[in-house]
Amino acid sequence: ARAAGADGCVAVGGGSSVGLGKAIALRTGLPLIAVPSTYSGSEMTPVWGLTEHGVKRTGRDPKVLPRSVVYDPELTLSLPVPLSVTSGINAVAHAVEALYAPDTSPLIALMAEEGVRAMARALADVAEEPTCLEARGRALYGAWLCGSCLGATTMGLHHKLCHVLGGSFGLPHAETHTVVLPYALA
């Protein structure tokens, strides 16, 4: 980015693309625009994550929070249903953790509950009719709410477990969140 003389970064794609954009923003200070094609909601957080030598490190920095986010449900049409669902459950995990975070608030709790409701309904509809733009748009709305909740609170048990497992064993992020979430909640 520096060698190209870039004055900004646009990240288009799923969590890895947005994460790479955040890493570039973190290291260069360049402004970031995110165009997500999955449903995690990471684009709404100042949270970054880097895996190096089998260890995942995370942090918070306002430099990585995208200046703008463009949501287009048409960009999610090629996302297969299994990935749509695990991506959306990752977002649900963001909202659920915000409900028990030590720094939560009544406003965040309302957003988290609405995010979980919106995502659960949207994912059921996406699974039933994968080409439904309206359902995919509602999933992006749920992702926005869930990601905003994670961005406003600290991460807890669920995310810590997933980051250790994912970073140590190279496990896929969304699928790991999907498997761990019911156990962390129990």
N, C-alpha and C. Protein backbone atom coordinates (compact mmCIF):
# COMPACT_ATOMS: atom_id res chain seq x y z
N ALA A 1 0.84 -1.19 0.00
CA ALA A 1 0.00 0.00 0.00
C ALA A 1 0.88 1.25 0.00
N ARG A 2 1.93 1.22 0.81
CA ARG A 2 2.83 2.38 0.85
C ARG A 2 3.57 2.53 -0.48
N ALA A 3 4.06 1.40 -1.02
CA ALA A 3 4.82 1.45 -2.27
C ALA A 3 3.95 1.95 -3.42
N ALA A 4 2.67 1.64 -3.38
CA ALA A 4 1.75 2.07 -4.43
C ALA A 4 1.31 3.52 -4.25
N GLY A 5 1.64 4.09 -3.10
CA GLY A 5 1.21 5.47 -2.84
C GLY A 5 -0.28 5.56 -2.56
N ALA A 6 -0.85 4.50 -2.03
CA ALA A 6 -2.29 4.46 -1.77
C ALA A 6 -2.68 5.53 -0.75
N ASP A 7 -3.86 6.10 -0.97
CA ASP A 7 -4.37 7.07 0.00
C ASP A 7 -5.57 6.52 0.75
N GLY A 8 -5.84 5.23 0.54
CA GLY A 8 -6.93 4.56 1.22
C GLY A 8 -6.96 3.10 0.84
N CYS A 9 -7.83 2.36 1.50
CA CYS A 9 -7.94 0.91 1.26
C CYS A 9 -9.42 0.56 1.19
N VAL A 10 -9.79 -0.23 0.20
CA VAL A 10 -11.16 -0.74 0.08
C VAL A 10 -11.08 -2.25 0.19
N ALA A 11 -11.76 -2.79 1.19
CA ALA A 11 -11.78 -4.24 1.40
C ALA A 11 -13.14 -4.77 0.95
N VAL A 12 -13.13 -5.64 -0.05
CA VAL A 12 -14.35 -6.23 -0.59
C VAL A 12 -14.27 -7.73 -0.37
N GLY A 13 -15.27 -8.30 0.34
CA GLY A 13 -15.29 -9.74 0.54
C GLY A 13 -15.70 -10.11 1.94
N GLY A 14 -15.27 -11.28 2.35
CA GLY A 14 -15.64 -11.83 3.65
C GLY A 14 -14.70 -11.36 4.75
N GLY A 15 -14.73 -12.10 5.85
CA GLY A 15 -13.97 -11.72 7.03
C GLY A 15 -12.47 -11.62 6.79
N SER A 16 -11.92 -12.50 5.97
CA SER A 16 -10.48 -12.44 5.70
C SER A 16 -10.12 -11.18 4.94
N SER A 17 -10.95 -10.80 3.98
CA SER A 17 -10.68 -9.57 3.21
C SER A 17 -10.79 -8.34 4.09
N VAL A 18 -11.85 -8.29 4.90
CA VAL A 18 -12.01 -7.15 5.81
C VAL A 18 -10.88 -7.14 6.83
N GLY A 19 -10.50 -8.32 7.32
CA GLY A 19 -9.39 -8.43 8.27
C GLY A 19 -8.08 -7.95 7.67
N LEU A 20 -7.84 -8.29 6.41
CA LEU A 20 -6.63 -7.81 5.74
C LEU A 20 -6.68 -6.30 5.60
N GLY A 21 -7.84 -5.76 5.23
CA GLY A 21 -7.99 -4.31 5.16
C GLY A 21 -7.70 -3.65 6.49
N LYS A 22 -8.18 -4.27 7.58
CA LYS A 22 -7.91 -3.74 8.91
C LYS A 22 -6.42 -3.79 9.24
N ALA A 23 -5.75 -4.87 8.85
CA ALA A 23 -4.31 -4.97 9.11
C ALA A 23 -3.55 -3.88 8.35
N ILE A 24 -3.96 -3.61 7.12
CA ILE A 24 -3.33 -2.55 6.34
C ILE A 24 -3.58 -1.21 7.01
N ALA A 25 -4.82 -0.96 7.43
CA ALA A 25 -5.15 0.30 8.11
C ALA A 25 -4.37 0.44 9.41
N LEU A 26 -4.23 -0.66 10.15
CA LEU A 26 -3.51 -0.63 11.42
C LEU A 26 -2.05 -0.25 11.21
N ARG A 27 -1.43 -0.84 10.20
CA ARG A 27 0.00 -0.64 9.99
C ARG A 27 0.35 0.62 9.22
N THR A 28 -0.62 1.14 8.45
CA THR A 28 -0.31 2.31 7.62
C THR A 28 -1.05 3.57 8.04
N GLY A 29 -2.15 3.41 8.79
CA GLY A 29 -2.98 4.56 9.15
C GLY A 29 -3.90 5.00 8.02
N LEU A 30 -3.92 4.24 6.91
CA LEU A 30 -4.79 4.59 5.79
C LEU A 30 -6.27 4.39 6.17
N PRO A 31 -7.15 5.23 5.66
CA PRO A 31 -8.58 5.02 5.90
C PRO A 31 -9.08 3.78 5.16
N LEU A 32 -10.05 3.11 5.76
CA LEU A 32 -10.58 1.86 5.23
C LEU A 32 -12.06 2.01 4.89
N ILE A 33 -12.44 1.48 3.74
CA ILE A 33 -13.84 1.33 3.35
C ILE A 33 -14.08 -0.17 3.23
N ALA A 34 -15.15 -0.67 3.85
CA ALA A 34 -15.45 -2.10 3.81
C ALA A 34 -16.71 -2.36 3.00
N VAL A 35 -16.64 -3.41 2.19
CA VAL A 35 -17.79 -3.87 1.40
C VAL A 35 -17.92 -5.36 1.69
N PRO A 36 -18.62 -5.71 2.78
CA PRO A 36 -18.67 -7.12 3.20
C PRO A 36 -19.58 -7.96 2.31
N SER A 37 -19.17 -9.22 2.12
CA SER A 37 -19.98 -10.17 1.37
C SER A 37 -20.39 -11.36 2.24
N THR A 38 -20.15 -11.25 3.54
CA THR A 38 -20.58 -12.26 4.51
C THR A 38 -21.28 -11.53 5.65
N TYR A 39 -21.64 -12.26 6.69
CA TYR A 39 -22.52 -11.71 7.71
C TYR A 39 -21.94 -11.60 9.12
N SER A 40 -20.64 -11.60 9.28
CA SER A 40 -20.08 -11.59 10.64
C SER A 40 -20.29 -10.27 11.36
N GLY A 41 -20.29 -9.16 10.65
CA GLY A 41 -20.41 -7.85 11.28
C GLY A 41 -19.08 -7.26 11.70
N SER A 42 -17.99 -7.91 11.39
CA SER A 42 -16.65 -7.43 11.77
C SER A 42 -16.39 -6.02 11.27
N GLU A 43 -17.00 -5.68 10.16
CA GLU A 43 -16.78 -4.35 9.58
C GLU A 43 -17.28 -3.22 10.47
N MET A 44 -18.05 -3.55 11.49
CA MET A 44 -18.58 -2.52 12.40
C MET A 44 -17.77 -2.41 13.68
N THR A 45 -16.59 -3.02 13.71
CA THR A 45 -15.82 -3.03 14.95
C THR A 45 -14.43 -2.43 14.76
N PRO A 46 -13.87 -1.89 15.84
CA PRO A 46 -12.48 -1.45 15.81
C PRO A 46 -11.53 -2.58 16.22
N VAL A 47 -12.00 -3.80 16.12
CA VAL A 47 -11.23 -4.98 16.55
C VAL A 47 -10.44 -5.52 15.37
N TRP A 48 -9.16 -5.78 15.61
CA TRP A 48 -8.32 -6.41 14.60
C TRP A 48 -7.80 -7.73 15.16
N GLY A 49 -7.44 -8.63 14.27
CA GLY A 49 -6.86 -9.91 14.68
C GLY A 49 -5.79 -10.32 13.69
N LEU A 50 -4.65 -10.75 14.23
CA LEU A 50 -3.55 -11.23 13.40
C LEU A 50 -3.09 -12.57 13.95
N THR A 51 -2.92 -13.55 13.07
CA THR A 51 -2.39 -14.85 13.48
C THR A 51 -0.98 -14.96 12.95
N GLU A 52 -0.04 -15.13 13.87
CA GLU A 52 1.37 -15.28 13.50
C GLU A 52 1.97 -16.41 14.31
N HIS A 53 2.60 -17.34 13.63
CA HIS A 53 3.26 -18.48 14.28
C HIS A 53 2.29 -19.26 15.16
N GLY A 54 1.06 -19.45 14.67
CA GLY A 54 0.07 -20.25 15.39
C GLY A 54 -0.55 -19.56 16.59
N VAL A 55 -0.33 -18.28 16.75
CA VAL A 55 -0.91 -17.54 17.87
C VAL A 55 -1.74 -16.39 17.32
N LYS A 56 -2.99 -16.31 17.76
CA LYS A 56 -3.85 -15.21 17.34
C LYS A 56 -3.78 -14.10 18.37
N ARG A 57 -3.45 -12.91 17.89
CA ARG A 57 -3.45 -11.72 18.73
C ARG A 57 -4.59 -10.83 18.26
N THR A 58 -5.27 -10.23 19.20
CA THR A 58 -6.32 -9.29 18.85
C THR A 58 -6.10 -7.99 19.60
N GLY A 59 -6.70 -6.97 19.11
CA GLY A 59 -6.62 -5.67 19.77
C GLY A 59 -7.72 -4.77 19.25
N ARG A 60 -7.77 -3.60 19.81
CA ARG A 60 -8.73 -2.57 19.40
C ARG A 60 -7.96 -1.31 19.06
N ASP A 61 -8.34 -0.73 17.94
CA ASP A 61 -7.72 0.51 17.53
C ASP A 61 -8.69 1.24 16.62
N PRO A 62 -8.98 2.49 16.89
CA PRO A 62 -9.92 3.22 16.04
C PRO A 62 -9.46 3.32 14.59
N LYS A 63 -8.15 3.15 14.33
CA LYS A 63 -7.63 3.21 12.96
C LYS A 63 -8.23 2.13 12.06
N VAL A 64 -8.66 1.00 12.64
CA VAL A 64 -9.14 -0.11 11.81
C VAL A 64 -10.65 -0.08 11.60
N LEU A 65 -11.35 0.81 12.27
CA LEU A 65 -12.79 0.92 12.07
C LEU A 65 -13.03 1.58 10.71
N PRO A 66 -13.70 0.88 9.81
CA PRO A 66 -13.92 1.47 8.48
C PRO A 66 -14.62 2.83 8.56
N ARG A 67 -14.19 3.73 7.69
CA ARG A 67 -14.80 5.06 7.62
C ARG A 67 -16.20 4.96 7.03
N SER A 68 -16.38 4.00 6.11
CA SER A 68 -17.68 3.75 5.49
C SER A 68 -17.82 2.26 5.26
N VAL A 69 -19.07 1.81 5.32
CA VAL A 69 -19.38 0.42 5.02
C VAL A 69 -20.49 0.42 3.98
N VAL A 70 -20.31 -0.36 2.93
CA VAL A 70 -21.30 -0.48 1.87
C VAL A 70 -21.91 -1.87 1.96
N TYR A 71 -23.22 -1.93 2.20
CA TYR A 71 -23.93 -3.20 2.26
C TYR A 71 -24.73 -3.38 0.97
N ASP A 72 -24.47 -4.47 0.27
CA ASP A 72 -25.19 -4.79 -0.95
C ASP A 72 -25.54 -6.27 -0.93
N PRO A 73 -26.81 -6.60 -0.71
CA PRO A 73 -27.19 -8.02 -0.62
C PRO A 73 -26.86 -8.81 -1.88
N GLU A 74 -26.77 -8.15 -3.02
CA GLU A 74 -26.42 -8.87 -4.25
C GLU A 74 -25.02 -9.48 -4.16
N LEU A 75 -24.13 -8.85 -3.40
CA LEU A 75 -22.78 -9.37 -3.25
C LEU A 75 -22.75 -10.64 -2.40
N THR A 76 -23.83 -10.95 -1.70
CA THR A 76 -23.87 -12.16 -0.87
C THR A 76 -24.57 -13.33 -1.57
N LEU A 77 -25.10 -13.11 -2.76
CA LEU A 77 -25.84 -14.16 -3.45
C LEU A 77 -24.99 -15.40 -3.76
N SER A 78 -23.71 -15.22 -4.00
CA SER A 78 -22.86 -16.37 -4.32
C SER A 78 -22.35 -17.08 -3.06
N LEU A 79 -22.67 -16.54 -1.88
CA LEU A 79 -22.24 -17.16 -0.63
C LEU A 79 -23.11 -18.40 -0.40
N PRO A 80 -22.52 -19.59 -0.39
CA PRO A 80 -23.32 -20.81 -0.21
C PRO A 80 -24.05 -20.80 1.13
N VAL A 81 -25.17 -21.49 1.18
CA VAL A 81 -25.99 -21.50 2.40
C VAL A 81 -25.18 -21.93 3.63
N PRO A 82 -24.38 -23.00 3.59
CA PRO A 82 -23.63 -23.36 4.81
C PRO A 82 -22.72 -22.23 5.31
N LEU A 83 -22.06 -21.52 4.40
CA LEU A 83 -21.21 -20.40 4.80
C LEU A 83 -22.05 -19.20 5.25
N SER A 84 -23.19 -19.02 4.62
CA SER A 84 -24.09 -17.95 5.06
C SER A 84 -24.49 -18.17 6.51
N VAL A 85 -24.84 -19.42 6.83
CA VAL A 85 -25.31 -19.74 8.18
C VAL A 85 -24.18 -19.60 9.19
N THR A 86 -23.01 -20.18 8.93
CA THR A 86 -21.93 -20.08 9.92
C THR A 86 -21.45 -18.64 10.07
N SER A 87 -21.43 -17.90 8.99
CA SER A 87 -21.07 -16.48 9.06
C SER A 87 -22.07 -15.73 9.94
N GLY A 88 -23.36 -16.02 9.75
CA GLY A 88 -24.40 -15.38 10.56
C GLY A 88 -24.35 -15.78 12.02
N ILE A 89 -24.02 -17.04 12.29
CA ILE A 89 -23.90 -17.48 13.69
C ILE A 89 -22.70 -16.80 14.35
N ASN A 90 -21.66 -16.53 13.59
CA ASN A 90 -20.54 -15.75 14.11
C ASN A 90 -21.04 -14.39 14.57
N ALA A 91 -21.91 -13.76 13.78
CA ALA A 91 -22.48 -12.47 14.18
C ALA A 91 -23.33 -12.62 15.43
N VAL A 92 -24.12 -13.69 15.49
CA VAL A 92 -24.95 -13.95 16.68
C VAL A 92 -24.05 -14.03 17.91
N ALA A 93 -22.91 -14.70 17.77
CA ALA A 93 -21.97 -14.81 18.90
C ALA A 93 -21.50 -13.43 19.35
N HIS A 94 -21.31 -12.51 18.41
CA HIS A 94 -20.91 -11.14 18.77
C HIS A 94 -21.98 -10.49 19.64
N ALA A 95 -23.23 -10.64 19.24
CA ALA A 95 -24.32 -10.02 20.00
C ALA A 95 -24.52 -10.70 21.35
N VAL A 96 -24.45 -12.01 21.37
CA VAL A 96 -24.66 -12.75 22.62
C VAL A 96 -23.61 -12.36 23.65
N GLU A 97 -22.36 -12.27 23.22
CA GLU A 97 -21.32 -11.88 24.17
C GLU A 97 -21.54 -10.47 24.70
N ALA A 98 -22.10 -9.60 23.86
CA ALA A 98 -22.37 -8.24 24.32
C ALA A 98 -23.42 -8.21 25.42
N LEU A 99 -24.25 -9.25 25.50
CA LEU A 99 -25.27 -9.30 26.55
C LEU A 99 -24.67 -9.56 27.93
N TYR A 100 -23.55 -10.29 27.99
CA TYR A 100 -22.95 -10.58 29.29
C TYR A 100 -21.58 -9.91 29.51
N ALA A 101 -21.22 -9.03 28.59
CA ALA A 101 -19.95 -8.30 28.74
C ALA A 101 -20.01 -7.40 29.96
N PRO A 102 -18.90 -7.25 30.67
CA PRO A 102 -18.92 -6.40 31.87
C PRO A 102 -19.20 -4.93 31.58
N ASP A 103 -18.97 -4.50 30.34
CA ASP A 103 -19.19 -3.10 29.99
C ASP A 103 -20.40 -2.90 29.09
N THR A 104 -21.36 -3.82 29.16
CA THR A 104 -22.57 -3.69 28.36
C THR A 104 -23.45 -2.58 28.94
N SER A 105 -24.49 -2.25 28.22
CA SER A 105 -25.43 -1.23 28.67
C SER A 105 -26.83 -1.62 28.21
N PRO A 106 -27.86 -0.98 28.74
CA PRO A 106 -29.22 -1.30 28.27
C PRO A 106 -29.40 -1.08 26.77
N LEU A 107 -28.78 -0.05 26.22
CA LEU A 107 -28.88 0.21 24.78
C LEU A 107 -28.22 -0.91 23.98
N ILE A 108 -27.04 -1.33 24.40
CA ILE A 108 -26.35 -2.44 23.71
C ILE A 108 -27.17 -3.72 23.82
N ALA A 109 -27.78 -3.96 24.97
CA ALA A 109 -28.62 -5.15 25.13
C ALA A 109 -29.79 -5.14 24.15
N LEU A 110 -30.42 -3.98 23.97
CA LEU A 110 -31.51 -3.88 22.99
C LEU A 110 -31.02 -4.17 21.58
N MET A 111 -29.87 -3.59 21.24
CA MET A 111 -29.30 -3.83 19.91
C MET A 111 -28.93 -5.30 19.73
N ALA A 112 -28.36 -5.90 20.77
CA ALA A 112 -27.96 -7.31 20.68
C ALA A 112 -29.17 -8.21 20.50
N GLU A 113 -30.21 -7.97 21.27
CA GLU A 113 -31.42 -8.79 21.14
C GLU A 113 -32.04 -8.65 19.75
N GLU A 114 -32.11 -7.43 19.25
CA GLU A 114 -32.65 -7.21 17.91
C GLU A 114 -31.74 -7.83 16.85
N GLY A 115 -30.43 -7.75 17.05
CA GLY A 115 -29.50 -8.37 16.11
C GLY A 115 -29.66 -9.87 16.03
N VAL A 116 -29.79 -10.51 17.19
CA VAL A 116 -29.99 -11.97 17.22
C VAL A 116 -31.31 -12.32 16.55
N ARG A 117 -32.37 -11.60 16.88
CA ARG A 117 -33.68 -11.86 16.27
C ARG A 117 -33.63 -11.71 14.76
N ALA A 118 -33.06 -10.59 14.30
CA ALA A 118 -33.00 -10.33 12.86
C ALA A 118 -32.17 -11.39 12.14
N MET A 119 -31.03 -11.74 12.72
CA MET A 119 -30.16 -12.71 12.06
C MET A 119 -30.81 -14.09 12.02
N ALA A 120 -31.40 -14.51 13.13
CA ALA A 120 -32.02 -15.84 13.17
C ALA A 120 -33.13 -15.96 12.12
N ARG A 121 -33.96 -14.95 12.03
CA ARG A 121 -35.04 -14.98 11.03
C ARG A 121 -34.49 -14.94 9.61
N ALA A 122 -33.50 -14.08 9.40
CA ALA A 122 -32.94 -13.96 8.06
C ALA A 122 -32.25 -15.24 7.62
N LEU A 123 -31.48 -15.86 8.52
CA LEU A 123 -30.77 -17.09 8.14
C LEU A 123 -31.73 -18.22 7.80
N ALA A 124 -32.82 -18.31 8.53
CA ALA A 124 -33.83 -19.33 8.20
C ALA A 124 -34.38 -19.09 6.79
N ASP A 125 -34.61 -17.84 6.46
CA ASP A 125 -35.13 -17.52 5.12
C ASP A 125 -34.08 -17.71 4.04
N VAL A 126 -32.83 -17.37 4.32
CA VAL A 126 -31.76 -17.58 3.35
C VAL A 126 -31.58 -19.07 3.09
N ALA A 127 -31.67 -19.89 4.14
CA ALA A 127 -31.53 -21.34 3.96
C ALA A 127 -32.67 -21.89 3.11
N GLU A 128 -33.86 -21.33 3.28
CA GLU A 128 -35.03 -21.80 2.52
C GLU A 128 -35.00 -21.30 1.08
N GLU A 129 -34.59 -20.06 0.89
CA GLU A 129 -34.56 -19.46 -0.45
C GLU A 129 -33.28 -18.64 -0.61
N PRO A 130 -32.18 -19.29 -1.00
CA PRO A 130 -30.87 -18.63 -1.04
C PRO A 130 -30.77 -17.42 -1.97
N THR A 131 -31.65 -17.31 -2.95
CA THR A 131 -31.58 -16.18 -3.88
C THR A 131 -32.45 -15.00 -3.48
N CYS A 132 -33.06 -15.05 -2.31
CA CYS A 132 -33.95 -13.98 -1.85
C CYS A 132 -33.13 -12.78 -1.37
N LEU A 133 -33.12 -11.72 -2.16
CA LEU A 133 -32.37 -10.52 -1.80
C LEU A 133 -32.88 -9.88 -0.53
N GLU A 134 -34.19 -9.94 -0.31
CA GLU A 134 -34.76 -9.32 0.88
C GLU A 134 -34.24 -10.02 2.14
N ALA A 135 -34.18 -11.36 2.12
CA ALA A 135 -33.66 -12.11 3.27
C ALA A 135 -32.18 -11.81 3.48
N ARG A 136 -31.44 -11.75 2.39
CA ARG A 136 -30.00 -11.46 2.51
C ARG A 136 -29.77 -10.02 2.98
N GLY A 137 -30.63 -9.11 2.61
CA GLY A 137 -30.55 -7.75 3.12
C GLY A 137 -30.82 -7.70 4.62
N ARG A 138 -31.79 -8.49 5.08
CA ARG A 138 -32.08 -8.55 6.52
C ARG A 138 -30.92 -9.18 7.27
N ALA A 139 -30.23 -10.13 6.65
CA ALA A 139 -29.04 -10.72 7.30
C ALA A 139 -27.94 -9.67 7.44
N LEU A 140 -27.78 -8.81 6.45
CA LEU A 140 -26.79 -7.73 6.57
C LEU A 140 -27.19 -6.74 7.66
N TYR A 141 -28.49 -6.48 7.80
CA TYR A 141 -28.97 -5.63 8.89
C TYR A 141 -28.62 -6.27 10.24
N GLY A 142 -28.87 -7.57 10.37
CA GLY A 142 -28.51 -8.29 11.60
C GLY A 142 -27.02 -8.24 11.85
N ALA A 143 -26.23 -8.40 10.80
CA ALA A 143 -24.77 -8.35 10.94
C ALA A 143 -24.32 -6.98 11.43
N TRP A 144 -24.94 -5.94 10.88
CA TRP A 144 -24.62 -4.57 11.30
C TRP A 144 -24.88 -4.39 12.80
N LEU A 145 -26.05 -4.83 13.25
CA LEU A 145 -26.39 -4.71 14.67
C LEU A 145 -25.43 -5.54 15.54
N CYS A 146 -25.23 -6.79 15.18
CA CYS A 146 -24.39 -7.68 15.98
C CYS A 146 -22.95 -7.18 16.04
N GLY A 147 -22.42 -6.75 14.90
CA GLY A 147 -21.06 -6.22 14.88
C GLY A 147 -20.93 -4.95 15.70
N SER A 148 -21.94 -4.10 15.63
CA SER A 148 -21.92 -2.86 16.42
C SER A 148 -21.86 -3.17 17.91
N CYS A 149 -22.54 -4.23 18.32
CA CYS A 149 -22.52 -4.63 19.74
C CYS A 149 -21.13 -5.08 20.16
N LEU A 150 -20.48 -5.89 19.33
CA LEU A 150 -19.12 -6.32 19.64
C LEU A 150 -18.17 -5.13 19.69
N GLY A 151 -18.38 -4.17 18.79
CA GLY A 151 -17.53 -3.00 18.75
C GLY A 151 -17.66 -2.12 19.98
N ALA A 152 -18.81 -2.23 20.67
CA ALA A 152 -19.08 -1.37 21.83
C ALA A 152 -18.76 -2.03 23.17
N THR A 153 -18.41 -3.31 23.16
CA THR A 153 -18.15 -4.03 24.41
C THR A 153 -16.86 -4.83 24.29
N THR A 154 -16.45 -5.41 25.41
CA THR A 154 -15.26 -6.26 25.40
C THR A 154 -15.65 -7.70 25.07
N MET A 155 -14.71 -8.43 24.51
CA MET A 155 -14.94 -9.85 24.20
C MET A 155 -14.77 -10.68 25.46
N GLY A 156 -15.50 -11.78 25.52
CA GLY A 156 -15.46 -12.63 26.70
C GLY A 156 -15.07 -14.06 26.38
N LEU A 157 -15.57 -14.97 27.17
CA LEU A 157 -15.22 -16.39 27.13
C LEU A 157 -15.33 -16.98 25.73
N HIS A 158 -16.45 -16.76 25.08
CA HIS A 158 -16.67 -17.37 23.77
C HIS A 158 -15.56 -16.99 22.78
N HIS A 159 -15.32 -15.69 22.63
CA HIS A 159 -14.31 -15.26 21.66
C HIS A 159 -12.91 -15.69 22.06
N LYS A 160 -12.62 -15.65 23.33
CA LYS A 160 -11.28 -16.08 23.77
C LYS A 160 -11.05 -17.54 23.41
N LEU A 161 -12.05 -18.39 23.66
CA LEU A 161 -11.93 -19.81 23.29
C LEU A 161 -11.73 -19.97 21.79
N CYS A 162 -12.54 -19.28 21.00
CA CYS A 162 -12.45 -19.42 19.55
C CYS A 162 -11.13 -18.91 19.00
N HIS A 163 -10.62 -17.83 19.57
CA HIS A 163 -9.35 -17.30 19.07
C HIS A 163 -8.19 -18.24 19.40
N VAL A 164 -8.21 -18.84 20.57
CA VAL A 164 -7.16 -19.80 20.92
C VAL A 164 -7.25 -21.02 20.01
N LEU A 165 -8.45 -21.58 19.86
CA LEU A 165 -8.62 -22.77 19.02
C LEU A 165 -8.27 -22.48 17.56
N GLY A 166 -8.80 -21.38 17.03
CA GLY A 166 -8.54 -21.03 15.64
C GLY A 166 -7.09 -20.74 15.37
N GLY A 167 -6.46 -19.94 16.24
CA GLY A 167 -5.06 -19.58 16.04
C GLY A 167 -4.12 -20.75 16.25
N SER A 168 -4.42 -21.61 17.21
CA SER A 168 -3.53 -22.74 17.51
C SER A 168 -3.64 -23.88 16.52
N PHE A 169 -4.84 -24.10 15.99
CA PHE A 169 -5.07 -25.28 15.16
C PHE A 169 -5.50 -24.94 13.74
N GLY A 170 -5.47 -23.67 13.38
CA GLY A 170 -5.83 -23.28 12.01
C GLY A 170 -7.28 -23.57 11.66
N LEU A 171 -8.17 -23.50 12.65
CA LEU A 171 -9.58 -23.79 12.41
C LEU A 171 -10.27 -22.61 11.75
N PRO A 172 -11.25 -22.89 10.88
CA PRO A 172 -11.96 -21.79 10.22
C PRO A 172 -12.78 -20.99 11.23
N HIS A 173 -12.71 -19.67 11.11
CA HIS A 173 -13.26 -18.76 12.10
C HIS A 173 -14.76 -18.94 12.34
N ALA A 174 -15.56 -18.80 11.30
CA ALA A 174 -17.02 -18.84 11.48
C ALA A 174 -17.50 -20.21 11.96
N GLU A 175 -16.93 -21.26 11.40
CA GLU A 175 -17.34 -22.61 11.81
C GLU A 175 -16.97 -22.87 13.27
N THR A 176 -15.82 -22.37 13.70
CA THR A 176 -15.41 -22.54 15.10
C THR A 176 -16.38 -21.82 16.02
N HIS A 177 -16.77 -20.61 15.66
CA HIS A 177 -17.76 -19.88 16.46
C HIS A 177 -19.09 -20.63 16.53
N THR A 178 -19.49 -21.22 15.42
CA THR A 178 -20.76 -21.94 15.37
C THR A 178 -20.75 -23.15 16.29
N VAL A 179 -19.63 -23.87 16.33
CA VAL A 179 -19.54 -25.06 17.18
C VAL A 179 -19.41 -24.70 18.65
N VAL A 180 -18.64 -23.68 18.97
CA VAL A 180 -18.35 -23.34 20.36
C VAL A 180 -19.50 -22.60 21.04
N LEU A 181 -20.27 -21.82 20.30
CA LEU A 181 -21.27 -20.94 20.92
C LEU A 181 -22.22 -21.64 21.88
N PRO A 182 -22.84 -22.77 21.53
CA PRO A 182 -23.76 -23.37 22.51
C PRO A 182 -23.07 -23.81 23.80
N TYR A 183 -21.82 -24.24 23.70
CA TYR A 183 -21.09 -24.68 24.88
C TYR A 183 -20.67 -23.50 25.76
N ALA A 184 -20.23 -22.42 25.12
CA ALA A 184 -19.86 -21.22 25.89
C ALA A 184 -21.09 -20.66 26.61
N LEU A 185 -22.23 -20.68 25.94
CA LEU A 185 -23.44 -20.17 26.57
C LEU A 185 -23.89 -21.06 27.73
N ALA A 186 -23.74 -22.36 27.57
CA ALA A 186 -24.12 -23.29 28.65
C ALA A 186 -23.25 -23.05 29.87
